């Protein structure tokens, strides 16, 4: 009989779509995160990830790349 000693890990929420190129403003062209947000993503809690994905990143996407 198989049993988990601990619950299976949860999937980490991510806006990454595999287009990993920084634009002139320092935001990823695919997910719109900056390099600091990308680096810290794994250590953020789900609430902060959701705040970024629901509020911050859509605003950046709508604003478009900086010239």
PDB file of N, CA and C in Angstrom:
ATOM      1  N   UNK A   1       0.845  -1.182   0.000  1.00  0.00           N
ATOM      2  CA  UNK A   1       0.000   0.000   0.000  1.00  0.00           C
ATOM      3  C   UNK A   1       0.891   1.247   0.000  1.00  0.00           C
ATOM      4  N   UNK A   2       0.587   2.185  -0.827  1.00  0.00           N
ATOM      5  CA  UNK A   2       1.358   3.413  -0.965  1.00  0.00           C
ATOM      6  C   UNK A   2       0.717   4.525  -0.148  1.00  0.00           C
ATOM      7  N   UNK A   3       1.529   5.302   0.543  1.00  0.00           N
ATOM      8  CA  UNK A   3       1.007   6.464   1.248  1.00  0.00           C
ATOM      9  C   UNK A   3       2.062   7.565   1.244  1.00  0.00           C
ATOM     10  N   UNK A   4       1.604   8.785   1.222  1.00  0.00           N
ATOM     11  CA  UNK A   4       2.502   9.937   1.294  1.00  0.00           C
ATOM     12  C   UNK A   4       2.840  10.205   2.746  1.00  0.00           C
ATOM     13  N   UNK A   5       4.087  10.466   3.004  1.00  0.00           N
ATOM     14  CA  UNK A   5       4.465  10.870   4.350  1.00  0.00           C
ATOM     15  C   UNK A   5       4.136  12.338   4.564  1.00  0.00           C
ATOM     16  N   UNK A   6       4.119  13.075   3.471  1.00  0.00           N
ATOM     17  CA  UNK A   6       3.707  14.470   3.522  1.00  0.00           C
ATOM     18  C   UNK A   6       2.886  14.735   2.260  1.00  0.00           C
ATOM     19  N   UNK A   7       2.051  15.773   2.279  1.00  0.00           N
ATOM     20  CA  UNK A   7       1.237  16.039   1.104  1.00  0.00           C
ATOM     21  C   UNK A   7       2.113  16.354  -0.107  1.00  0.00           C
ATOM     22  N   UNK A   8       1.643  16.009  -1.311  1.00  0.00           N
ATOM     23  CA  UNK A   8       2.424  16.330  -2.499  1.00  0.00           C
ATOM     24  C   UNK A   8       2.588  17.843  -2.624  1.00  0.00           C
ATOM     25  N   UNK A   9       3.694  18.294  -3.197  1.00  0.00           N
ATOM     26  CA  UNK A   9       3.902  19.735  -3.317  1.00  0.00           C
ATOM     27  C   UNK A   9       2.875  20.369  -4.248  1.00  0.00           C
ATOM     28  N   UNK A  10       2.497  21.597  -3.904  1.00  0.00           N
ATOM     29  CA  UNK A  10       1.573  22.350  -4.751  1.00  0.00           C
ATOM     30  C   UNK A  10       2.340  22.917  -5.932  1.00  0.00           C
ATOM     31  N   UNK A  11       1.663  23.035  -7.050  1.00  0.00           N
ATOM     32  CA  UNK A  11       2.267  23.682  -8.205  1.00  0.00           C
ATOM     33  C   UNK A  11       2.452  25.169  -7.901  1.00  0.00           C
ATOM     34  N   UNK A  12       3.566  25.721  -8.342  1.00  0.00           N
ATOM     35  CA  UNK A  12       3.816  27.143  -8.138  1.00  0.00           C
ATOM     36  C   UNK A  12       3.121  27.918  -9.242  1.00  0.00           C
ATOM     37  N   UNK A  13       2.266  28.850  -8.840  1.00  0.00           N
ATOM     38  CA  UNK A  13       1.594  29.706  -9.807  1.00  0.00           C
ATOM     39  C   UNK A  13       2.626  30.558 -10.524  1.00  0.00           C
ATOM     40  N   UNK A  14       2.503  30.675 -11.836  1.00  0.00           N
ATOM     41  CA  UNK A  14       3.448  31.476 -12.590  1.00  0.00           C
ATOM     42  C   UNK A  14       2.791  32.065 -13.837  1.00  0.00           C
ATOM     43  N   UNK A  15       3.155  33.291 -14.183  1.00  0.00           N
ATOM     44  CA  UNK A  15       2.653  33.888 -15.408  1.00  0.00           C
ATOM     45  C   UNK A  15       3.573  33.596 -16.600  1.00  0.00           C
ATOM     46  N   UNK A  16       4.642  32.838 -16.386  1.00  0.00           N
ATOM     47  CA  UNK A  16       5.624  32.582 -17.446  1.00  0.00           C
ATOM     48  C   UNK A  16       4.977  31.848 -18.616  1.00  0.00           C
ATOM     49  N   UNK A  17       5.241  32.360 -19.819  1.00  0.00           N
ATOM     50  CA  UNK A  17       4.751  31.705 -21.036  1.00  0.00           C
ATOM     51  C   UNK A  17       5.907  31.267 -21.927  1.00  0.00           C
ATOM     52  N   UNK A  18       7.128  31.340 -21.380  1.00  0.00           N
ATOM     53  CA  UNK A  18       8.293  30.866 -22.105  1.00  0.00           C
ATOM     54  C   UNK A  18       8.885  31.860 -23.096  1.00  0.00           C
ATOM     55  N   UNK A  19       8.456  33.115 -23.038  1.00  0.00           N
ATOM     56  CA  UNK A  19       9.035  34.170 -23.871  1.00  0.00           C
ATOM     57  C   UNK A  19       9.885  35.022 -22.929  1.00  0.00           C
ATOM     58  N   UNK A  20      11.101  34.588 -22.706  1.00  0.00           N
ATOM     59  CA  UNK A  20      11.937  35.176 -21.660  1.00  0.00           C
ATOM     60  C   UNK A  20      12.960  36.146 -22.243  1.00  0.00           C
ATOM     61  N   UNK A  21      12.495  37.356 -22.554  1.00  0.00           N
ATOM     62  CA  UNK A  21      13.331  38.408 -23.105  1.00  0.00           C
ATOM     63  C   UNK A  21      12.972  39.696 -22.389  1.00  0.00           C
ATOM     64  N   UNK A  22      13.980  40.389 -21.844  1.00  0.00           N
ATOM     65  CA  UNK A  22      13.713  41.655 -21.159  1.00  0.00           C
ATOM     66  C   UNK A  22      13.653  42.787 -22.169  1.00  0.00           C
ATOM     67  N   UNK A  23      12.654  43.664 -22.014  1.00  0.00           N
ATOM     68  CA  UNK A  23      12.529  44.827 -22.891  1.00  0.00           C
ATOM     69  C   UNK A  23      13.358  45.982 -22.337  1.00  0.00           C
ATOM     70  N   UNK A  24      13.280  47.131 -22.976  1.00  0.00           N
ATOM     71  CA  UNK A  24      14.088  48.292 -22.572  1.00  0.00           C
ATOM     72  C   UNK A  24      13.784  48.761 -21.152  1.00  0.00           C
ATOM     73  N   UNK A  25      12.573  48.496 -20.667  1.00  0.00           N
ATOM     74  CA  UNK A  25      12.208  48.921 -19.315  1.00  0.00           C
ATOM     75  C   UNK A  25      12.606  47.886 -18.262  1.00  0.00           C
ATOM     76  N   UNK A  26      13.166  46.745 -18.688  1.00  0.00           N
ATOM     77  CA  UNK A  26      13.589  45.713 -17.753  1.00  0.00           C
ATOM     78  C   UNK A  26      12.502  44.723 -17.395  1.00  0.00           C
ATOM     79  N   UNK A  27      11.411  44.714 -18.170  1.00  0.00           N
ATOM     80  CA  UNK A  27      10.322  43.766 -17.935  1.00  0.00           C
ATOM     81  C   UNK A  27      10.370  42.665 -18.987  1.00  0.00           C
ATOM     82  N   UNK A  28      10.034  41.458 -18.576  1.00  0.00           N
ATOM     83  CA  UNK A  28       9.981  40.339 -19.505  1.00  0.00           C
ATOM     84  C   UNK A  28       8.875  40.582 -20.529  1.00  0.00           C
ATOM     85  N   UNK A  29       9.183  40.360 -21.805  1.00  0.00           N
ATOM     86  CA  UNK A  29       8.184  40.560 -22.856  1.00  0.00           C
ATOM     87  C   UNK A  29       7.052  39.537 -22.775  1.00  0.00           C
ATOM     88  N   UNK A  30       7.312  38.387 -22.153  1.00  0.00           N
ATOM     89  CA  UNK A  30       6.286  37.356 -22.048  1.00  0.00           C
ATOM     90  C   UNK A  30       5.376  37.521 -20.846  1.00  0.00           C
ATOM     91  N   UNK A  31       5.969  37.637 -19.659  1.00  0.00           N
ATOM     92  CA  UNK A  31       5.174  37.644 -18.423  1.00  0.00           C
ATOM     93  C   UNK A  31       5.069  39.019 -17.766  1.00  0.00           C
ATOM     94  N   UNK A  32       5.878  39.971 -18.213  1.00  0.00           N
ATOM     95  CA  UNK A  32       5.863  41.354 -17.719  1.00  0.00           C
ATOM     96  C   UNK A  32       6.445  41.533 -16.320  1.00  0.00           C
ATOM     97  N   UNK A  33       7.094  40.481 -15.788  1.00  0.00           N
ATOM     98  CA  UNK A  33       7.768  40.640 -14.501  1.00  0.00           C
ATOM     99  C   UNK A  33       9.126  41.292 -14.716  1.00  0.00           C
ATOM    100  N   UNK A  34       9.620  41.993 -13.671  1.00  0.00           N
ATOM    101  CA  UNK A  34      10.984  42.513 -13.745  1.00  0.00           C
ATOM    102  C   UNK A  34      11.933  41.441 -13.209  1.00  0.00           C
ATOM    103  N   UNK A  35      13.231  41.665 -13.361  1.00  0.00           N
ATOM    104  CA  UNK A  35      14.211  40.653 -12.992  1.00  0.00           C
ATOM    105  C   UNK A  35      14.146  40.311 -11.504  1.00  0.00           C
ATOM    106  N   UNK A  36      13.868  41.278 -10.654  1.00  0.00           N
ATOM    107  CA  UNK A  36      13.749  41.022  -9.217  1.00  0.00           C
ATOM    108  C   UNK A  36      12.545  40.130  -8.929  1.00  0.00           C
ATOM    109  N   UNK A  37      11.414  40.403  -9.576  1.00  0.00           N
ATOM    110  CA  UNK A  37      10.215  39.574  -9.367  1.00  0.00           C
ATOM    111  C   UNK A  37      10.451  38.149  -9.866  1.00  0.00           C
ATOM    112  N   UNK A  38      11.144  38.014 -10.984  1.00  0.00           N
ATOM    113  CA  UNK A  38      11.452  36.680 -11.514  1.00  0.00           C
ATOM    114  C   UNK A  38      12.336  35.929 -10.524  1.00  0.00           C
ATOM    115  N   UNK A  39      13.359  36.594 -10.015  1.00  0.00           N
ATOM    116  CA  UNK A  39      14.299  35.955  -9.082  1.00  0.00           C
ATOM    117  C   UNK A  39      13.626  35.553  -7.767  1.00  0.00           C
ATOM    118  N   UNK A  40      12.702  36.372  -7.281  1.00  0.00           N
ATOM    119  CA  UNK A  40      12.050  36.110  -5.991  1.00  0.00           C
ATOM    120  C   UNK A  40      10.815  35.223  -6.110  1.00  0.00           C
ATOM    121  N   UNK A  41      10.364  34.919  -7.322  1.00  0.00           N
ATOM    122  CA  UNK A  41       9.078  34.258  -7.535  1.00  0.00           C
ATOM    123  C   UNK A  41       8.899  32.996  -6.702  1.00  0.00           C
ATOM    124  N   UNK A  42       9.905  32.160  -6.653  1.00  0.00           N
ATOM    125  CA  UNK A  42       9.803  30.903  -5.910  1.00  0.00           C
ATOM    126  C   UNK A  42       9.644  31.075  -4.413  1.00  0.00           C
ATOM    127  N   UNK A  43      10.061  32.215  -3.882  1.00  0.00           N
ATOM    128  CA  UNK A  43       9.946  32.437  -2.438  1.00  0.00           C
ATOM    129  C   UNK A  43       8.725  33.273  -2.056  1.00  0.00           C
ATOM    130  N   UNK A  44       7.979  33.782  -3.043  1.00  0.00           N
ATOM    131  CA  UNK A  44       6.766  34.547  -2.735  1.00  0.00           C
ATOM    132  C   UNK A  44       5.643  33.598  -2.325  1.00  0.00           C
ATOM    133  N   UNK A  45       4.763  34.053  -1.449  1.00  0.00           N
ATOM    134  CA  UNK A  45       3.610  33.216  -1.114  1.00  0.00           C
ATOM    135  C   UNK A  45       2.534  33.371  -2.202  1.00  0.00           C
ATOM    136  N   UNK A  46       1.562  32.481  -2.183  1.00  0.00           N
ATOM    137  CA  UNK A  46       0.522  32.485  -3.221  1.00  0.00           C
ATOM    138  C   UNK A  46      -0.234  33.808  -3.277  1.00  0.00           C
ATOM    139  N   UNK A  47      -0.461  34.430  -2.123  1.00  0.00           N
ATOM    140  CA  UNK A  47      -1.206  35.697  -2.094  1.00  0.00           C
ATOM    141  C   UNK A  47      -0.455  36.786  -2.861  1.00  0.00           C
ATOM    142  N   UNK A  48       0.855  36.857  -2.671  1.00  0.00           N
ATOM    143  CA  UNK A  48       1.654  37.875  -3.373  1.00  0.00           C
ATOM    144  C   UNK A  48       1.740  37.553  -4.863  1.00  0.00           C
ATOM    145  N   UNK A  49       1.873  36.280  -5.210  1.00  0.00           N
ATOM    146  CA  UNK A  49       1.873  35.902  -6.635  1.00  0.00           C
ATOM    147  C   UNK A  49       0.555  36.301  -7.291  1.00  0.00           C
ATOM    148  N   UNK A  50      -0.543  36.020  -6.613  1.00  0.00           N
ATOM    149  CA  UNK A  50      -1.857  36.357  -7.170  1.00  0.00           C
ATOM    150  C   UNK A  50      -2.025  37.864  -7.303  1.00  0.00           C
ATOM    151  N   UNK A  51      -1.533  38.632  -6.326  1.00  0.00           N
ATOM    152  CA  UNK A  51      -1.619  40.092  -6.410  1.00  0.00           C
ATOM    153  C   UNK A  51      -0.863  40.589  -7.637  1.00  0.00           C
ATOM    154  N   UNK A  52       0.327  40.068  -7.839  1.00  0.00           N
ATOM    155  CA  UNK A  52       1.100  40.473  -9.016  1.00  0.00           C
ATOM    156  C   UNK A  52       0.384  40.072 -10.313  1.00  0.00           C
ATOM    157  N   UNK A  53      -0.106  38.824 -10.372  1.00  0.00           N
ATOM    158  CA  UNK A  53      -0.742  38.348 -11.596  1.00  0.00           C
ATOM    159  C   UNK A  53      -2.088  39.020 -11.866  1.00  0.00           C
ATOM    160  N   UNK A  54      -2.807  39.381 -10.820  1.00  0.00           N
ATOM    161  CA  UNK A  54      -4.140  39.978 -10.993  1.00  0.00           C
ATOM    162  C   UNK A  54      -4.110  41.495 -11.146  1.00  0.00           C
ATOM    163  N   UNK A  55      -3.127  42.155 -10.552  1.00  0.00           N
ATOM    164  CA  UNK A  55      -3.114  43.621 -10.520  1.00  0.00           C
ATOM    165  C   UNK A  55      -1.937  44.239 -11.270  1.00  0.00           C
ATOM    166  N   UNK A  56      -0.733  43.878 -10.882  1.00  0.00           N
ATOM    167  CA  UNK A  56       0.467  44.556 -11.384  1.00  0.00           C
ATOM    168  C   UNK A  56       0.784  44.177 -12.831  1.00  0.00           C
ATOM    169  N   UNK A  57       0.879  42.886 -13.107  1.00  0.00           N
ATOM    170  CA  UNK A  57       1.293  42.449 -14.437  1.00  0.00           C
ATOM    171  C   UNK A  57       0.309  42.845 -15.542  1.00  0.00           C
ATOM    172  N   UNK A  58      -1.007  42.755 -15.336  1.00  0.00           N
ATOM    173  CA  UNK A  58      -1.931  43.225 -16.381  1.00  0.00           C
ATOM    174  C   UNK A  58      -1.781  44.722 -16.685  1.00  0.00           C
ATOM    175  N   UNK A  59      -1.495  45.529 -15.655  1.00  0.00           N
ATOM    176  CA  UNK A  59      -1.279  46.957 -15.882  1.00  0.00           C
ATOM    177  C   UNK A  59      -0.036  47.187 -16.743  1.00  0.00           C
ATOM    178  N   UNK A  60       1.017  46.428 -16.468  1.00  0.00           N
ATOM    179  CA  UNK A  60       2.227  46.558 -17.270  1.00  0.00           C
ATOM    180  C   UNK A  60       1.977  46.112 -18.710  1.00  0.00           C
ATOM    181  N   UNK A  61       1.231  45.030 -18.879  1.00  0.00           N
ATOM    182  CA  UNK A  61       0.938  44.538 -20.226  1.00  0.00           C
ATOM    183  C   UNK A  61       0.154  45.571 -21.010  1.00  0.00           C
ATOM    184  N   UNK A  62      -0.802  46.196 -20.359  1.00  0.00           N
ATOM    185  CA  UNK A  62      -1.637  47.204 -21.022  1.00  0.00           C
ATOM    186  C   UNK A  62      -0.827  48.441 -21.380  1.00  0.00           C
ATOM    187  N   UNK A  63       0.122  48.803 -20.517  1.00  0.00           N
ATOM    188  CA  UNK A  63       0.945  49.995 -20.763  1.00  0.00           C
ATOM    189  C   UNK A  63       1.901  49.766 -21.940  1.00  0.00           C
ATOM    190  N   UNK A  64       2.289  48.527 -22.182  1.00  0.00           N
ATOM    191  CA  UNK A  64       3.208  48.233 -23.278  1.00  0.00           C
ATOM    192  C   UNK A  64       4.641  48.533 -22.909  1.00  0.00           C
ATOM    193  N   UNK A  65       5.578  48.183 -23.809  1.00  0.00           N
ATOM    194  CA  UNK A  65       6.999  48.383 -23.516  1.00  0.00           C
ATOM    195  C   UNK A  65       7.369  49.862 -23.512  1.00  0.00           C
ATOM    196  N   UNK A  66       8.361  50.171 -22.703  1.00  0.00           N
ATOM    197  CA  UNK A  66       8.868  51.555 -22.666  1.00  0.00           C
ATOM    198  C   UNK A  66       9.735  51.799 -23.885  1.00  0.00           C
ATOM    199  N   UNK A  67       9.732  53.008 -24.362  1.00  0.00           N
ATOM    200  CA  UNK A  67      10.535  53.339 -25.543  1.00  0.00           C
ATOM    201  C   UNK A  67      11.983  53.546 -25.167  1.00  0.00           C
TER     202      UNK A  67
END
